[in-house]
Amino acid sequence: MNKAYYITAGKLSARGFDDLPDELVSTKHMIYSSPATLDFNSPGAKGFGVKRAGLAIPGSVMLLISPGCCGRNTALLNELGYNEKFFYLLLDDTDIVTGRYLSKIPQACEELCAELDYTPSAIMLCCTCVDALLGTDMERVCRSVTERTGVASVPAYMYALTREKRIPPMGLARKSIYSLLEPQKRRSNECAIIGFFSALEDGCEIYPILRAAGIKKFHEIGRCKTFEEYKEISRANFSLVLNSEARYAAQDMQERLGMPFIELTRLYRIDKIQNMYRLLGQAIGAKLDDTEYYSEARAAIDGFIAKHGRLNIAVGECIDADPFELALALVEYGFNVREIYGTVGERNFVFIRKLAEVSPETRIYSNLSPTMMNYERDIPLDCAVGNDALYYHRDVPGVGFNDEAQPFGYRGIVLLMSELDRAIEENRQIAEVGK
């Protein structure tokens, strides 16, 4: 194929999830790792891959147990200040074939503790696909490490092979980082927010909305500076799960700590956000007033359209959003979403069905398809959203919208409109200077 493969939302919806084209199923072809997909494909890439996520526990260190090829990309995280938190146990062929490296892990952990001038709060054992294929019992290895070092040890599974399974690597990582919490008396006016490894954006309305309902303290692992603050998470009366990959962790916390959870979804469709807060209020027995924030988000959308018109947009998946839900929201607001680059899953296929009703000609591409090497734009575009979309369309204004501070709810809409407006204005000013 000499052109990038795509299928329209209308045709994909008609085929159904059980009949996805092979080009959209990564297990049915070679994987194309373009610069646009490195963040998705490599657990060691910048952002919160398994390695960095495993170090979300304050004061923790990590032993990476892997062949050299899996260890090299960890050096990228040194730029973010993690160089003194990583240690390596590199495996050769004999280690892997005989499994002798398993007996080396406790010794290696003992040596790394001796190297430190402090006692770490935890040792994260980061294992790769090698252990997935060998069926290594990492829980048992962790117990051996704890017995030898006196430091809690937790597995961090960097199993790229399982990314499309029921519990993907980042789901396992989320369970691991909360696994050291211990039961304690819960406080009725405290809430844990889980799902992301960094904190919500400070201006997110969820804080004042819940404060008005009586919640006085919020626990987020991204705001924990010390291990003591981390342990306070288990005081929360309930947890809010803001990312579906944290559901496994929330279920474990419910079983071990007796902490119930409520799952919310990051959405950009304003009416759905409003309904989400209504249902949340019913769940906690309080009437939540989101009027002010709804009006702010509605004004941001209307103001942007009044200023820039109904733009032609490309939406990528390297973004703080589900690309199909965001694309559907933009279409419902009146924009023309011409292209989407994303991984189609069972959970987001519902958005594709709805997108097919309102924008059946929207093209859907897979970043992982080797045919993307031949991608060329043949339709007009005004802006791009997502780092991968920007990669494919370097000549149009746009935003990565993939920051550390996590957008959520109405605040996400406001931030997106604001950042897009800034990018378009800056591009316009540059164009005027160049005339």
Protein backbone atom coordinates (compact mmCIF):
# COMPACT_ATOMS: atom_id res chain seq x y z
CA MET A 1 0.00 0.00 0.00
CA ASN A 2 1.53 3.32 -1.10
CA LYS A 3 -0.86 5.47 0.92
CA ALA A 4 -1.59 5.70 4.63
CA TYR A 5 -4.54 3.50 5.49
CA TYR A 6 -7.65 5.11 6.90
CA ILE A 7 -11.31 4.26 7.26
CA THR A 8 -14.12 6.73 7.75
CA ALA A 9 -16.10 6.82 10.97
CA GLY A 10 -19.24 5.85 9.05
CA LYS A 11 -17.69 2.75 7.48
CA LEU A 12 -15.95 1.68 10.69
CA SER A 13 -19.16 1.98 12.68
CA ALA A 14 -21.01 -0.10 10.09
CA ARG A 15 -18.39 -2.88 10.36
CA GLY A 16 -18.56 -2.94 14.16
CA PHE A 17 -15.88 -3.54 16.77
CA ASP A 18 -15.70 -7.28 16.06
CA ASP A 19 -14.72 -6.61 12.44
CA LEU A 20 -11.93 -4.04 12.76
CA PRO A 21 -9.67 -3.72 9.71
CA ASP A 22 -6.30 -5.42 10.22
CA GLU A 23 -4.56 -2.05 9.88
CA LEU A 24 -6.22 -0.91 13.12
CA VAL A 25 -5.20 -4.04 15.06
CA SER A 26 -1.56 -3.88 16.15
CA THR A 27 -1.24 -7.65 16.64
CA LYS A 28 -1.95 -8.26 12.96
CA HIS A 29 0.94 -6.30 11.47
CA MET A 30 4.36 -4.89 12.15
CA ILE A 31 4.29 -1.83 14.40
CA TYR A 32 5.39 1.53 13.04
CA SER A 33 7.20 3.48 15.74
CA SER A 34 7.35 6.94 14.28
CA PRO A 35 8.27 9.94 16.43
CA ALA A 36 4.54 10.40 16.80
CA THR A 37 4.14 7.05 18.55
CA LEU A 38 7.22 6.82 20.76
CA ASP A 39 5.32 8.10 23.78
CA PHE A 40 2.62 5.47 23.22
CA ASN A 41 4.93 2.64 22.32
CA SER A 42 7.84 2.92 24.71
CA PRO A 43 7.30 2.54 28.46
CA GLY A 44 10.64 4.29 28.94
CA ALA A 45 9.73 7.41 26.99
CA LYS A 46 9.25 10.80 28.56
CA GLY A 47 5.98 11.34 30.38
CA PHE A 48 4.59 8.71 32.71
CA GLY A 49 5.61 5.34 31.39
CA VAL A 50 5.91 2.37 33.75
CA LYS A 51 9.36 3.39 34.95
CA ARG A 52 8.51 6.92 35.98
CA ALA A 53 5.08 5.93 37.23
CA GLY A 54 6.62 3.32 39.50
CA LEU A 55 8.58 6.06 41.23
CA ALA A 56 5.46 8.05 42.10
CA ILE A 57 5.78 6.76 45.67
CA PRO A 58 7.81 9.45 47.48
CA GLY A 59 11.28 8.30 48.47
CA SER A 60 11.21 5.16 46.33
CA VAL A 61 13.96 3.83 44.06
CA MET A 62 13.82 1.40 41.17
CA LEU A 63 15.86 -1.60 40.10
CA LEU A 64 15.45 -2.19 36.38
CA ILE A 65 15.88 -5.90 35.63
CA SER A 66 16.28 -6.34 31.90
CA PRO A 67 18.46 -7.00 28.87
CA GLY A 68 20.56 -4.00 27.93
CA CYS A 69 18.28 -3.03 25.06
CA CYS A 70 15.39 -2.43 27.47
CA GLY A 71 17.53 -0.42 29.85
CA ARG A 72 19.07 2.13 27.52
CA ASN A 73 16.01 4.31 27.03
CA THR A 74 15.77 4.87 30.80
CA ALA A 75 18.58 7.38 30.37
CA LEU A 76 16.01 9.72 28.82
CA LEU A 77 14.44 10.14 32.26
CA ASN A 78 17.71 11.46 33.67
CA GLU A 79 16.75 14.78 32.10
CA LEU A 80 13.80 14.89 34.52
CA GLY A 81 15.96 14.38 37.61
CA TYR A 82 15.58 10.63 38.03
CA ASN A 83 19.23 9.66 37.53
CA GLU A 84 19.78 8.92 41.25
CA LYS A 85 16.63 6.82 41.56
CA PHE A 86 17.43 4.18 38.92
CA PHE A 87 19.65 1.14 39.36
CA TYR A 88 20.25 -1.62 36.83
CA LEU A 89 20.56 -5.39 36.85
CA LEU A 90 21.33 -6.14 33.20
CA LEU A 91 20.74 -9.67 31.99
CA ASP A 92 22.80 -11.72 29.56
CA ASP A 93 21.63 -14.74 27.57
CA THR A 94 22.69 -17.21 30.25
CA ASP A 95 20.83 -15.29 32.96
CA ILE A 96 17.63 -15.50 30.94
CA VAL A 97 17.96 -19.11 29.79
CA THR A 98 18.81 -20.47 33.23
CA GLY A 99 16.82 -18.02 35.30
CA ARG A 100 19.81 -17.52 37.59
CA TYR A 101 19.24 -13.77 37.70
CA LEU A 102 16.28 -14.29 40.04
CA SER A 103 18.65 -15.18 42.87
CA LYS A 104 20.70 -12.08 42.08
CA ILE A 105 17.84 -9.63 42.59
CA PRO A 106 17.81 -9.61 46.44
CA GLN A 107 21.59 -9.22 46.47
CA ALA A 108 21.41 -6.37 43.96
CA CYS A 109 18.79 -4.62 46.11
CA GLU A 110 20.98 -5.03 49.17
CA GLU A 111 23.86 -3.44 47.29
CA LEU A 112 21.80 -0.50 46.05
CA CYS A 113 20.58 0.21 49.60
CA ALA A 114 24.23 0.26 50.71
CA GLU A 115 24.98 2.81 47.98
CA LEU A 116 22.33 5.22 49.22
CA ASP A 117 22.86 7.63 52.11
CA TYR A 118 19.21 7.19 53.10
CA THR A 119 16.77 4.33 53.47
CA PRO A 120 14.31 4.32 50.56
CA SER A 121 10.60 4.06 51.29
CA ALA A 122 10.27 1.28 48.72
CA ILE A 123 12.20 -0.61 46.07
CA MET A 124 10.30 -0.95 42.82
CA LEU A 125 11.37 -4.01 40.83
CA CYS A 126 10.82 -3.12 37.19
CA CYS A 127 10.67 -6.29 35.10
CA THR A 128 10.24 -6.51 31.36
CA CYS A 129 8.66 -8.82 28.78
CA VAL A 130 11.33 -11.41 29.61
CA ASP A 131 9.60 -12.11 32.91
CA ALA A 132 6.18 -12.11 31.28
CA LEU A 133 7.33 -14.84 28.89
CA LEU A 134 9.05 -16.84 31.65
CA GLY A 135 6.10 -16.53 34.03
CA THR A 136 8.23 -15.15 36.85
CA ASP A 137 6.54 -14.95 40.24
CA MET A 138 7.54 -11.36 41.01
CA GLU A 139 5.47 -11.25 44.19
CA ARG A 140 7.68 -13.98 45.64
CA VAL A 141 10.83 -12.18 44.48
CA CYS A 142 9.59 -9.00 46.18
CA ARG A 143 9.10 -10.87 49.44
CA SER A 144 12.69 -12.13 49.23
CA VAL A 145 13.95 -8.59 48.68
CA THR A 146 12.01 -7.27 51.67
CA GLU A 147 13.33 -10.05 53.90
CA ARG A 148 16.91 -9.31 52.88
CA THR A 149 16.84 -5.49 52.92
CA GLY A 150 14.08 -4.63 55.38
CA VAL A 151 12.61 -2.31 52.72
CA ALA A 152 9.18 -2.84 51.15
CA SER A 153 9.45 -4.10 47.59
CA VAL A 154 6.81 -3.83 44.88
CA PRO A 155 6.78 -5.07 41.26
CA ALA A 156 6.49 -2.65 38.35
CA TYR A 157 5.52 -4.64 35.28
CA MET A 158 6.89 -3.18 32.05
CA TYR A 159 5.14 -5.77 29.91
CA ALA A 160 4.60 -4.18 26.50
CA LEU A 161 3.19 -7.52 25.32
CA THR A 162 0.16 -7.05 27.57
CA ARG A 163 -0.84 -3.53 26.60
CA GLU A 164 -3.99 -4.74 24.86
CA LYS A 165 -4.95 -7.25 27.57
CA ARG A 166 -7.59 -6.83 30.30
CA ILE A 167 -5.05 -5.26 32.65
CA PRO A 168 -2.40 -3.35 30.65
CA PRO A 169 1.01 -2.38 32.07
CA MET A 170 -0.18 1.01 33.30
CA GLY A 171 -3.09 -0.66 35.07
CA LEU A 172 -0.67 -2.92 36.92
CA ALA A 173 1.57 0.07 37.66
CA ARG A 174 -1.30 1.94 39.27
CA LYS A 175 -2.11 -1.05 41.48
CA SER A 176 1.54 -1.34 42.54
CA ILE A 177 1.96 2.26 43.62
CA TYR A 178 -1.04 2.10 45.95
CA SER A 179 -0.22 -1.38 47.27
CA LEU A 180 1.85 -0.10 50.21
CA LEU A 181 -1.09 1.74 51.76
CA GLU A 182 -2.26 0.24 55.03
CA PRO A 183 -5.74 0.28 56.62
CA GLN A 184 -6.45 3.13 59.04
CA LYS A 185 -9.46 4.97 60.33
CA ARG A 186 -11.07 6.81 57.43
CA ARG A 187 -12.25 10.41 57.67
CA SER A 188 -15.64 11.33 56.27
CA ASN A 189 -14.48 14.71 54.92
CA GLU A 190 -11.49 13.42 52.95
CA CYS A 191 -11.35 12.10 49.39
CA ALA A 192 -8.65 10.37 47.33
CA ILE A 193 -8.31 11.25 43.66
CA ILE A 194 -6.62 8.46 41.72
CA GLY A 195 -6.05 7.70 38.07
CA PHE A 196 -3.23 10.04 37.12
CA PHE A 197 0.36 10.06 38.34
CA SER A 198 0.50 13.86 38.41
CA ALA A 199 -2.06 16.09 40.08
CA LEU A 200 -5.08 17.71 38.50
CA GLU A 201 -4.62 21.20 37.14
CA ASP A 202 -4.94 23.63 40.05
CA GLY A 203 -7.93 25.44 38.53
CA CYS A 204 -10.03 22.29 38.13
CA GLU A 205 -13.57 22.87 39.38
CA ILE A 206 -13.78 19.49 41.07
CA TYR A 207 -12.03 20.94 44.14
CA PRO A 208 -14.42 23.84 44.90
CA ILE A 209 -17.48 21.81 43.89
CA LEU A 210 -16.65 19.05 46.38
CA ARG A 211 -15.51 21.51 49.07
CA ALA A 212 -18.97 23.03 48.94
CA ALA A 213 -20.32 19.54 49.59
CA GLY A 214 -18.20 19.12 52.73
CA ILE A 215 -14.94 17.57 51.46
CA LYS A 216 -12.09 19.34 53.25
CA LYS A 217 -9.03 17.43 52.09
CA PHE A 218 -8.02 15.81 48.81
CA HIS A 219 -5.33 13.15 48.53
CA GLU A 220 -3.47 12.86 45.23
CA ILE A 221 -0.26 10.92 44.79
CA GLY A 222 1.00 13.66 42.47
CA ARG A 223 0.91 16.12 45.39
CA CYS A 224 2.56 13.84 47.96
CA LYS A 225 5.99 15.16 48.91
CA THR A 226 6.81 12.64 51.61
CA PHE A 227 6.08 8.99 52.34
CA GLU A 228 4.02 10.11 55.35
CA GLU A 229 1.76 12.11 53.05
CA TYR A 230 1.50 9.08 50.79
CA LYS A 231 0.34 6.90 53.69
CA GLU A 232 -2.41 9.41 54.51
CA ILE A 233 -4.18 8.49 51.27
CA SER A 234 -5.76 5.51 53.04
CA ARG A 235 -7.57 7.92 55.41
CA ALA A 236 -9.90 8.96 52.59
CA ASN A 237 -13.56 8.08 52.99
CA PHE A 238 -13.81 7.18 49.29
CA SER A 239 -11.79 7.51 46.11
CA LEU A 240 -12.63 9.12 42.81
CA VAL A 241 -11.24 7.12 39.89
CA LEU A 242 -10.61 9.48 36.98
CA ASN A 243 -8.92 7.02 34.62
CA SER A 244 -10.28 3.59 33.77
CA GLU A 245 -6.78 2.08 34.04
CA ALA A 246 -6.91 2.83 37.77
CA ARG A 247 -10.00 0.68 38.31
CA TYR A 248 -7.89 -2.37 39.18
CA ALA A 249 -6.06 -0.33 41.82
CA ALA A 250 -9.35 1.02 43.20
CA GLN A 251 -10.79 -2.48 43.46
CA ASP A 252 -7.70 -3.60 45.36
CA MET A 253 -7.97 -0.60 47.72
CA GLN A 254 -11.63 -1.40 48.31
CA GLU A 255 -10.79 -4.98 49.26
CA ARG A 256 -7.72 -4.22 51.39
CA LEU A 257 -8.63 -0.85 52.92
CA GLY A 258 -12.42 -0.93 52.81
CA MET A 259 -12.37 2.23 50.69
CA PRO A 260 -15.26 2.41 48.18
CA PHE A 261 -14.71 4.17 44.88
CA ILE A 262 -16.68 6.15 42.32
CA GLU A 263 -15.47 6.08 38.73
CA LEU A 264 -15.69 9.20 36.60
CA THR A 265 -14.57 9.68 33.00
CA ARG A 266 -12.54 12.52 31.56
CA LEU A 267 -14.92 14.07 29.05
CA TYR A 268 -14.97 17.13 26.79
CA ARG A 269 -18.67 17.03 25.84
CA ILE A 270 -20.06 19.78 28.04
CA ASP A 271 -23.52 18.30 28.56
CA LYS A 272 -22.00 14.95 29.54
CA ILE A 273 -19.77 16.69 32.08
CA GLN A 274 -22.83 18.36 33.56
CA ASN A 275 -24.57 14.99 33.81
CA MET A 276 -21.45 13.46 35.39
CA TYR A 277 -21.53 15.97 38.25
CA ARG A 278 -25.25 15.39 38.72
CA LEU A 279 -24.67 11.65 39.08
CA LEU A 280 -21.69 12.22 41.37
CA GLY A 281 -23.87 14.34 43.64
CA GLN A 282 -26.43 11.55 43.81
CA ALA A 283 -23.70 9.03 44.67
CA ILE A 284 -22.38 11.04 47.63
CA GLY A 285 -25.76 12.35 48.74
CA ALA A 286 -25.18 16.03 47.96
CA LYS A 287 -26.43 18.51 45.37
CA LEU A 288 -23.38 19.74 43.49
CA ASP A 289 -23.61 23.23 42.02
CA ASP A 290 -21.59 23.42 38.81
CA THR A 291 -23.50 26.32 37.22
CA GLU A 292 -20.60 28.78 37.32
CA TYR A 293 -18.17 26.35 35.69
CA TYR A 294 -20.64 25.18 33.04
CA SER A 295 -21.23 28.80 32.03
CA GLU A 296 -17.48 29.48 31.88
CA ALA A 297 -16.86 26.50 29.61
CA ARG A 298 -19.83 27.36 27.38
CA ALA A 299 -18.56 30.92 27.03
CA ALA A 300 -15.07 29.64 26.13
CA ILE A 301 -16.48 27.49 23.31
CA ASP A 302 -18.78 30.18 21.94
CA GLY A 303 -16.10 32.86 22.19
CA PHE A 304 -13.58 30.74 20.33
CA ILE A 305 -15.99 29.97 17.48
CA ALA A 306 -17.03 33.63 17.23
CA LYS A 307 -13.37 34.61 16.88
CA HIS A 308 -11.98 31.84 14.67
CA GLY A 309 -14.95 30.19 13.00
CA ARG A 310 -15.69 26.50 12.59
CA LEU A 311 -12.18 25.22 11.93
CA ASN A 312 -11.01 22.05 10.20
CA ILE A 313 -9.17 20.07 12.90
CA ALA A 314 -6.99 16.95 13.18
CA VAL A 315 -7.03 15.15 16.54
CA GLY A 316 -4.29 12.82 17.80
CA GLU A 317 -3.98 10.37 20.69
CA CYS A 318 -0.81 11.77 22.32
CA ILE A 319 -3.06 14.03 24.33
CA ASP A 320 -4.79 14.36 27.70
CA ALA A 321 -8.06 13.03 26.29
CA ASP A 322 -9.59 10.08 24.51
CA PRO A 323 -9.14 11.20 20.88
CA PHE A 324 -12.51 9.87 19.76
CA GLU A 325 -14.46 11.44 22.62
CA LEU A 326 -12.68 14.76 22.08
CA ALA A 327 -13.30 14.59 18.34
CA LEU A 328 -17.00 13.92 18.98
CA ALA A 329 -17.15 16.89 21.36
CA LEU A 330 -15.52 19.20 18.81
CA VAL A 331 -17.93 18.08 16.09
CA GLU A 332 -20.90 18.65 18.39
CA TYR A 333 -19.60 22.17 19.08
CA GLY A 334 -19.61 22.86 15.35
CA PHE A 335 -16.01 22.17 14.28
CA ASN A 336 -15.04 19.92 11.39
CA VAL A 337 -12.83 17.08 12.60
CA ARG A 338 -11.27 15.80 9.40
CA GLU A 339 -8.83 13.23 10.78
CA ILE A 340 -8.25 11.24 13.99
CA TYR A 341 -5.09 9.26 14.83
CA GLY A 342 -5.95 6.81 17.58
CA THR A 343 -6.07 3.29 18.92
CA VAL A 344 -9.56 1.82 18.61
CA GLY A 345 -10.71 -0.11 21.67
CA GLU A 346 -13.94 -1.55 22.92
CA ARG A 347 -14.43 1.30 25.40
CA ASN A 348 -14.08 4.12 22.90
CA PHE A 349 -15.93 2.43 20.03
CA VAL A 350 -19.13 3.90 21.46
CA PHE A 351 -17.77 7.36 20.54
CA ILE A 352 -17.03 6.16 17.00
CA ARG A 353 -20.64 5.04 16.63
CA LYS A 354 -21.88 8.46 17.71
CA LEU A 355 -19.27 10.20 15.55
CA ALA A 356 -20.52 8.23 12.55
CA GLU A 357 -23.96 9.79 13.04
CA VAL A 358 -22.75 13.41 13.00
CA SER A 359 -19.52 13.25 10.98
CA PRO A 360 -19.44 10.01 8.94
CA GLU A 361 -16.62 11.19 6.65
CA THR A 362 -14.13 11.79 9.46
CA ARG A 363 -11.04 9.70 8.70
CA ILE A 364 -9.61 7.35 11.33
CA TYR A 365 -5.92 6.38 11.12
CA SER A 366 -3.78 4.17 13.37
CA ASN A 367 -0.44 5.60 14.47
CA LEU A 368 0.91 2.05 14.67
CA SER A 369 0.15 1.05 11.11
CA PRO A 370 3.30 0.84 8.92
CA THR A 371 1.30 2.51 6.15
CA MET A 372 1.61 5.78 8.10
CA MET A 373 5.12 6.06 6.66
CA ASN A 374 3.34 7.14 3.50
CA TYR A 375 1.03 9.67 5.14
CA GLU A 376 0.37 12.81 3.12
CA ARG A 377 -2.33 15.36 3.80
CA ASP A 378 -4.78 15.78 0.95
CA ILE A 379 -7.54 17.73 2.73
CA PRO A 380 -7.49 21.26 4.18
CA LEU A 381 -6.69 21.69 7.89
CA ASP A 382 -6.66 24.77 10.09
CA CYS A 383 -5.19 23.36 13.31
CA ALA A 384 -4.07 20.19 15.06
CA VAL A 385 -4.57 18.90 18.61
CA GLY A 386 -2.17 16.34 20.10
CA ASN A 387 1.58 15.84 19.74
CA ASP A 388 1.15 13.18 17.06
CA ALA A 389 -1.24 15.35 15.06
CA LEU A 390 1.30 18.16 15.26
CA TYR A 391 3.98 15.79 13.98
CA TYR A 392 1.95 14.97 10.90
CA HIS A 393 0.98 18.61 10.37
CA ARG A 394 3.94 20.76 11.28
CA ASP A 395 2.78 23.58 9.03
CA VAL A 396 -0.49 24.27 10.87
CA PRO A 397 -0.99 25.83 14.30
CA GLY A 398 -1.95 23.57 17.15
CA VAL A 399 -1.37 22.38 20.69
CA GLY A 400 0.09 19.23 22.20
CA PHE A 401 -2.31 19.46 25.16
CA ASN A 402 -0.32 16.79 26.97
CA ASP A 403 1.02 18.48 30.09
CA GLU A 404 1.98 17.28 33.56
CA ALA A 405 -0.96 19.00 35.30
CA GLN A 406 -4.02 17.00 34.29
CA PRO A 407 -7.08 18.74 32.80
CA PHE A 408 -10.47 17.45 33.86
CA GLY A 409 -14.10 18.46 33.52
CA TYR A 410 -15.12 21.95 32.47
CA ARG A 411 -11.60 23.17 33.18
CA GLY A 412 -10.30 20.92 30.42
CA ILE A 413 -12.58 22.63 27.88
CA VAL A 414 -11.51 26.09 29.01
CA LEU A 415 -7.82 25.21 28.84
CA LEU A 416 -8.13 23.63 25.39
CA MET A 417 -9.95 26.61 23.92
CA SER A 418 -7.46 29.01 25.51
CA GLU A 419 -4.39 27.13 24.31
CA LEU A 420 -5.77 26.73 20.79
CA ASP A 421 -6.59 30.42 20.65
CA ARG A 422 -3.04 31.30 21.73
CA ALA A 423 -1.48 28.97 19.16
CA ILE A 424 -3.59 30.32 16.30
CA GLU A 425 -2.87 33.93 17.29
CA GLU A 426 0.87 33.29 17.53
CA ASN A 427 0.83 31.61 14.11
CA ARG A 428 -1.08 34.56 12.67
CA GLN A 429 1.41 37.06 14.08
CA ILE A 430 4.35 35.10 12.67
CA ALA A 431 2.68 35.01 9.27
CA GLU A 432 2.12 38.77 9.33
CA VAL A 433 5.74 39.44 10.25
CA GLY A 434 6.87 37.23 7.35
CA LYS A 435 4.89 39.20 4.77
